[in-house]
C-alpha atoms as a PDB file:
ATOM      1  CA  UNK A   1     205.544 -44.712  59.380  1.00  0.00           C
ATOM      2  CA  UNK A   2     202.120 -46.039  58.495  1.00  0.00           C
ATOM      3  CA  UNK A   3     202.028 -49.062  56.162  1.00  0.00           C
ATOM      4  CA  UNK A   4     200.175 -48.729  52.872  1.00  0.00           C
ATOM      5  CA  UNK A   5     196.649 -50.135  52.915  1.00  0.00           C
ATOM      6  CA  UNK A   6     193.977 -50.840  50.316  1.00  0.00           C
ATOM      7  CA  UNK A   7     191.532 -47.955  50.140  1.00  0.00           C
ATOM      8  CA  UNK A   8     189.036 -46.311  47.808  1.00  0.00           C
ATOM      9  CA  UNK A   9     189.577 -42.587  47.310  1.00  0.00           C
ATOM     10  CA  UNK A  10     186.874 -40.216  46.049  1.00  0.00           C
ATOM     11  CA  UNK A  11     187.061 -36.557  45.177  1.00  0.00           C
ATOM     12  CA  UNK A  12     184.016 -34.385  44.637  1.00  0.00           C
ATOM     13  CA  UNK A  13     183.592 -30.895  43.347  1.00  0.00           C
ATOM     14  CA  UNK A  14     180.926 -28.548  42.111  1.00  0.00           C
ATOM     15  CA  UNK A  15     180.671 -27.912  38.381  1.00  0.00           C
ATOM     16  CA  UNK A  16     180.874 -24.193  37.583  1.00  0.00           C
ATOM     17  CA  UNK A  17     181.787 -23.059  41.100  1.00  0.00           C
ATOM     18  CA  UNK A  18     184.328 -20.444  39.977  1.00  0.00           C
ATOM     19  CA  UNK A  19     181.757 -18.787  37.703  1.00  0.00           C
ATOM     20  CA  UNK A  20     179.090 -19.065  40.428  1.00  0.00           C
ATOM     21  CA  UNK A  21     181.378 -17.276  42.903  1.00  0.00           C
ATOM     22  CA  UNK A  22     182.194 -14.560  40.355  1.00  0.00           C
ATOM     23  CA  UNK A  23     178.516 -13.873  39.619  1.00  0.00           C
ATOM     24  CA  UNK A  24     176.910 -14.516  43.040  1.00  0.00           C
ATOM     25  CA  UNK A  25     179.664 -13.246  45.329  1.00  0.00           C
ATOM     26  CA  UNK A  26     181.825 -14.793  48.019  1.00  0.00           C
ATOM     27  CA  UNK A  27     179.205 -14.812  50.801  1.00  0.00           C
ATOM     28  CA  UNK A  28     176.629 -16.675  48.711  1.00  0.00           C
ATOM     29  CA  UNK A  29     179.353 -19.098  47.579  1.00  0.00           C
ATOM     30  CA  UNK A  30     180.527 -19.691  51.166  1.00  0.00           C
ATOM     31  CA  UNK A  31     176.930 -20.360  52.249  1.00  0.00           C
ATOM     32  CA  UNK A  32     176.514 -22.840  49.376  1.00  0.00           C
ATOM     33  CA  UNK A  33     179.690 -24.723  50.408  1.00  0.00           C
ATOM     34  CA  UNK A  34     178.559 -24.903  54.051  1.00  0.00           C
ATOM     35  CA  UNK A  35     175.130 -26.219  53.020  1.00  0.00           C
ATOM     36  CA  UNK A  36     176.685 -28.695  50.587  1.00  0.00           C
ATOM     37  CA  UNK A  37     179.033 -30.073  53.269  1.00  0.00           C
ATOM     38  CA  UNK A  38     176.163 -30.310  55.792  1.00  0.00           C
ATOM     39  CA  UNK A  39     174.274 -32.529  53.310  1.00  0.00           C
ATOM     40  CA  UNK A  40     177.301 -34.644  52.399  1.00  0.00           C
ATOM     41  CA  UNK A  41     178.614 -35.568  55.854  1.00  0.00           C
ATOM     42  CA  UNK A  42     175.751 -37.896  56.864  1.00  0.00           C
ATOM     43  CA  UNK A  43     175.784 -39.654  53.454  1.00  0.00           C
ATOM     44  CA  UNK A  44     179.540 -40.249  53.626  1.00  0.00           C
ATOM     45  CA  UNK A  45     179.409 -41.501  57.229  1.00  0.00           C
ATOM     46  CA  UNK A  46     176.394 -43.755  56.557  1.00  0.00           C
ATOM     47  CA  UNK A  47     178.557 -45.647  54.040  1.00  0.00           C
ATOM     48  CA  UNK A  48     181.552 -45.949  56.393  1.00  0.00           C
ATOM     49  CA  UNK A  49     183.411 -43.162  54.636  1.00  0.00           C
ATOM     50  CA  UNK A  50     185.732 -40.550  56.060  1.00  0.00           C
ATOM     51  CA  UNK A  51     186.085 -36.901  55.045  1.00  0.00           C
ATOM     52  CA  UNK A  52     189.850 -36.471  54.792  1.00  0.00           C
ATOM     53  CA  UNK A  53     189.793 -32.798  53.831  1.00  0.00           C
ATOM     54  CA  UNK A  54     187.880 -29.971  52.278  1.00  0.00           C
ATOM     55  CA  UNK A  55     189.443 -28.553  49.118  1.00  0.00           C
ATOM     56  CA  UNK A  56     187.657 -25.375  48.073  1.00  0.00           C
ATOM     57  CA  UNK A  57     184.312 -26.505  46.681  1.00  0.00           C
ATOM     58  CA  UNK A  58     185.141 -30.186  46.960  1.00  0.00           C
ATOM     59  CA  UNK A  59     185.994 -32.947  49.358  1.00  0.00           C
ATOM     60  CA  UNK A  60     188.565 -35.703  49.510  1.00  0.00           C
ATOM     61  CA  UNK A  61     186.932 -38.843  50.906  1.00  0.00           C
ATOM     62  CA  UNK A  62     188.095 -42.351  51.682  1.00  0.00           C
ATOM     63  CA  UNK A  63     186.154 -45.581  52.047  1.00  0.00           C
ATOM     64  CA  UNK A  64     187.363 -48.965  53.228  1.00  0.00           C
ATOM     65  CA  UNK A  65     185.229 -50.738  50.595  1.00  0.00           C
ATOM     66  CA  UNK A  66     184.796 -49.728  46.943  1.00  0.00           C
ATOM     67  CA  UNK A  67     181.143 -50.840  47.025  1.00  0.00           C
ATOM     68  CA  UNK A  68     180.415 -48.315  49.788  1.00  0.00           C
ATOM     69  CA  UNK A  69     182.281 -45.578  47.901  1.00  0.00           C
ATOM     70  CA  UNK A  70     180.260 -46.181  44.726  1.00  0.00           C
ATOM     71  CA  UNK A  71     176.931 -46.112  46.545  1.00  0.00           C
ATOM     72  CA  UNK A  72     177.940 -42.950  48.418  1.00  0.00           C
ATOM     73  CA  UNK A  73     179.032 -41.263  45.165  1.00  0.00           C
ATOM     74  CA  UNK A  74     175.692 -42.002  43.516  1.00  0.00           C
ATOM     75  CA  UNK A  75     173.808 -40.703  46.574  1.00  0.00           C
ATOM     76  CA  UNK A  76     175.941 -37.542  46.670  1.00  0.00           C
ATOM     77  CA  UNK A  77     175.432 -36.578  43.021  1.00  0.00           C
ATOM     78  CA  UNK A  78     171.713 -37.216  43.489  1.00  0.00           C
ATOM     79  CA  UNK A  79     171.531 -35.117  46.679  1.00  0.00           C
ATOM     80  CA  UNK A  80     173.461 -32.137  45.329  1.00  0.00           C
ATOM     81  CA  UNK A  81     172.151 -30.703  42.079  1.00  0.00           C
ATOM     82  CA  UNK A  82     170.960 -27.147  42.812  1.00  0.00           C
ATOM     83  CA  UNK A  83     172.177 -24.568  41.980  1.00  0.00           C
ATOM     84  CA  UNK A  84     175.343 -26.433  40.946  1.00  0.00           C
ATOM     85  CA  UNK A  85     175.761 -30.116  40.157  1.00  0.00           C
ATOM     86  CA  UNK A  86     178.254 -32.278  41.992  1.00  0.00           C
ATOM     87  CA  UNK A  87     180.706 -34.535  40.186  1.00  0.00           C
ATOM     88  CA  UNK A  88     182.744 -37.354  41.659  1.00  0.00           C
ATOM     89  CA  UNK A  89     185.740 -39.463  40.704  1.00  0.00           C
ATOM     90  CA  UNK A  90     186.940 -42.694  42.308  1.00  0.00           C
ATOM     91  CA  UNK A  91     189.995 -44.898  42.243  1.00  0.00           C
ATOM     92  CA  UNK A  92     191.054 -47.862  44.359  1.00  0.00           C
ATOM     93  CA  UNK A  93     194.555 -48.821  45.401  1.00  0.00           C
ATOM     94  CA  UNK A  94     197.159 -48.751  48.129  1.00  0.00           C
ATOM     95  CA  UNK A  95     197.745 -45.545  50.092  1.00  0.00           C
ATOM     96  CA  UNK A  96     199.461 -44.418  53.245  1.00  0.00           C
ATOM     97  CA  UNK A  97     196.833 -43.247  55.722  1.00  0.00           C
ATOM     98  CA  UNK A  98     198.025 -40.869  58.434  1.00  0.00           C
ATOM     99  CA  UNK A  99     196.011 -39.221  61.182  1.00  0.00           C
ATOM    100  CA  UNK A 100     195.051 -36.260  59.001  1.00  0.00           C
ATOM    101  CA  UNK A 101     195.860 -37.168  55.395  1.00  0.00           C
ATOM    102  CA  UNK A 102     196.012 -39.905  52.786  1.00  0.00           C
ATOM    103  CA  UNK A 103     199.050 -40.087  50.533  1.00  0.00           C
ATOM    104  CA  UNK A 104     199.811 -42.079  47.419  1.00  0.00           C
ATOM    105  CA  UNK A 105     199.389 -42.471  43.697  1.00  0.00           C
ATOM    106  CA  UNK A 106     195.755 -43.579  44.167  1.00  0.00           C
ATOM    107  CA  UNK A 107     194.977 -40.091  45.534  1.00  0.00           C
ATOM    108  CA  UNK A 108     196.475 -38.305  42.517  1.00  0.00           C
ATOM    109  CA  UNK A 109     194.661 -40.596  40.100  1.00  0.00           C
ATOM    110  CA  UNK A 110     191.295 -40.143  41.852  1.00  0.00           C
ATOM    111  CA  UNK A 111     191.710 -36.348  41.641  1.00  0.00           C
ATOM    112  CA  UNK A 112     192.429 -36.553  37.903  1.00  0.00           C
ATOM    113  CA  UNK A 113     189.469 -38.877  37.293  1.00  0.00           C
ATOM    114  CA  UNK A 114     187.185 -36.320  38.969  1.00  0.00           C
ATOM    115  CA  UNK A 115     188.289 -33.744  36.362  1.00  0.00           C
ATOM    116  CA  UNK A 116     186.924 -36.090  33.661  1.00  0.00           C
ATOM    117  CA  UNK A 117     183.420 -36.163  35.155  1.00  0.00           C
ATOM    118  CA  UNK A 118     180.708 -33.681  34.231  1.00  0.00           C
ATOM    119  CA  UNK A 119     178.296 -32.275  36.787  1.00  0.00           C
ATOM    120  CA  UNK A 120     175.911 -34.960  37.982  1.00  0.00           C
ATOM    121  CA  UNK A 121     178.314 -37.728  36.918  1.00  0.00           C
ATOM    122  CA  UNK A 122     180.305 -40.321  38.789  1.00  0.00           C
ATOM    123  CA  UNK A 123     183.435 -41.569  37.010  1.00  0.00           C
ATOM    124  CA  UNK A 124     185.617 -44.423  38.224  1.00  0.00           C
ATOM    125  CA  UNK A 125     188.696 -46.273  37.098  1.00  0.00           C
ATOM    126  CA  UNK A 126     188.248 -49.721  35.592  1.00  0.00           C
ATOM    127  CA  UNK A 127     190.113 -50.945  38.708  1.00  0.00           C
ATOM    128  CA  UNK A 128     187.102 -49.882  40.809  1.00  0.00           C
ATOM    129  CA  UNK A 129     184.718 -51.736  38.480  1.00  0.00           C
ATOM    130  CA  UNK A 130     186.906 -54.845  38.633  1.00  0.00           C
ATOM    131  CA  UNK A 131     187.007 -54.665  42.443  1.00  0.00           C
ATOM    132  CA  UNK A 132     183.208 -54.844  42.742  1.00  0.00           C
ATOM    133  CA  UNK A 133     181.640 -56.213  39.561  1.00  0.00           C
ATOM    134  CA  UNK A 134     179.027 -57.446  39.433  1.00  0.00           C
ATOM    135  CA  UNK A 135     177.306 -55.224  41.982  1.00  0.00           C
ATOM    136  CA  UNK A 136     173.604 -54.846  42.698  1.00  0.00           C
ATOM    137  CA  UNK A 137     172.254 -51.325  42.333  1.00  0.00           C
ATOM    138  CA  UNK A 138     175.111 -50.088  40.157  1.00  0.00           C
ATOM    139  CA  UNK A 139     175.600 -50.059  36.402  1.00  0.00           C
ATOM    140  CA  UNK A 140     178.905 -49.307  34.671  1.00  0.00           C
ATOM    141  CA  UNK A 141     179.207 -47.632  31.289  1.00  0.00           C
ATOM    142  CA  UNK A 142     181.574 -48.748  28.561  1.00  0.00           C
ATOM    143  CA  UNK A 143     185.240 -48.274  29.423  1.00  0.00           C
ATOM    144  CA  UNK A 144     186.981 -45.443  27.586  1.00  0.00           C
ATOM    145  CA  UNK A 145     190.644 -44.460  27.545  1.00  0.00           C
ATOM    146  CA  UNK A 146     191.405 -41.074  29.055  1.00  0.00           C
ATOM    147  CA  UNK A 147     194.575 -39.008  29.191  1.00  0.00           C
ATOM    148  CA  UNK A 148     194.971 -37.806  32.753  1.00  0.00           C
ATOM    149  CA  UNK A 149     197.295 -34.908  33.562  1.00  0.00           C
ATOM    150  CA  UNK A 150     200.550 -36.205  35.052  1.00  0.00           C
ATOM    151  CA  UNK A 151     199.274 -39.794  35.144  1.00  0.00           C
ATOM    152  CA  UNK A 152     199.465 -42.701  32.697  1.00  0.00           C
ATOM    153  CA  UNK A 153     196.450 -42.920  30.324  1.00  0.00           C
ATOM    154  CA  UNK A 154     193.858 -45.270  31.776  1.00  0.00           C
ATOM    155  CA  UNK A 155     190.407 -46.664  31.174  1.00  0.00           C
ATOM    156  CA  UNK A 156     187.504 -44.995  32.971  1.00  0.00           C
ATOM    157  CA  UNK A 157     183.866 -45.954  33.336  1.00  0.00           C
ATOM    158  CA  UNK A 158     180.788 -43.903  34.086  1.00  0.00           C
ATOM    159  CA  UNK A 159     178.863 -45.156  37.111  1.00  0.00           C
ATOM    160  CA  UNK A 160     175.071 -44.966  37.252  1.00  0.00           C
ATOM    161  CA  UNK A 161     172.331 -46.367  39.448  1.00  0.00           C
ATOM    162  CA  UNK A 162     171.000 -49.622  38.009  1.00  0.00           C
ATOM    163  CA  UNK A 163     167.416 -49.249  36.749  1.00  0.00           C
END
């Protein structure tokens, strides 16, 4: 068994993808996903990240450092805005990393945080902010409590590029 290790987990997905597929058709939607993943791979890898798996219109990503994850998230939402905007959610914690998956509470929490983000937004747990703050190039919004499905309520922050 693999020991748990500190890791930053990010999920992404495309706002309005279900509606897009219904109106544009499966082939157009499949082409959009392929194009989206082609754009994302180099950004993720340039920050030391790893694509764990593709989940429909989104990705599950891991990064060894929260700073790298935050910068990648901001680059990704910037890079992917047409015709659908990307949203991302991040959490940091201990997880069990296997050859082809990442398991642990941090994964579930990151997925739920992503659901709180709107298209074009990066949301993170306060734990991510605490792990990096202060950080050049990144600005954190005011913490707000959120009820996450199946997870304890927690404080989340919006992440934006620093002006």
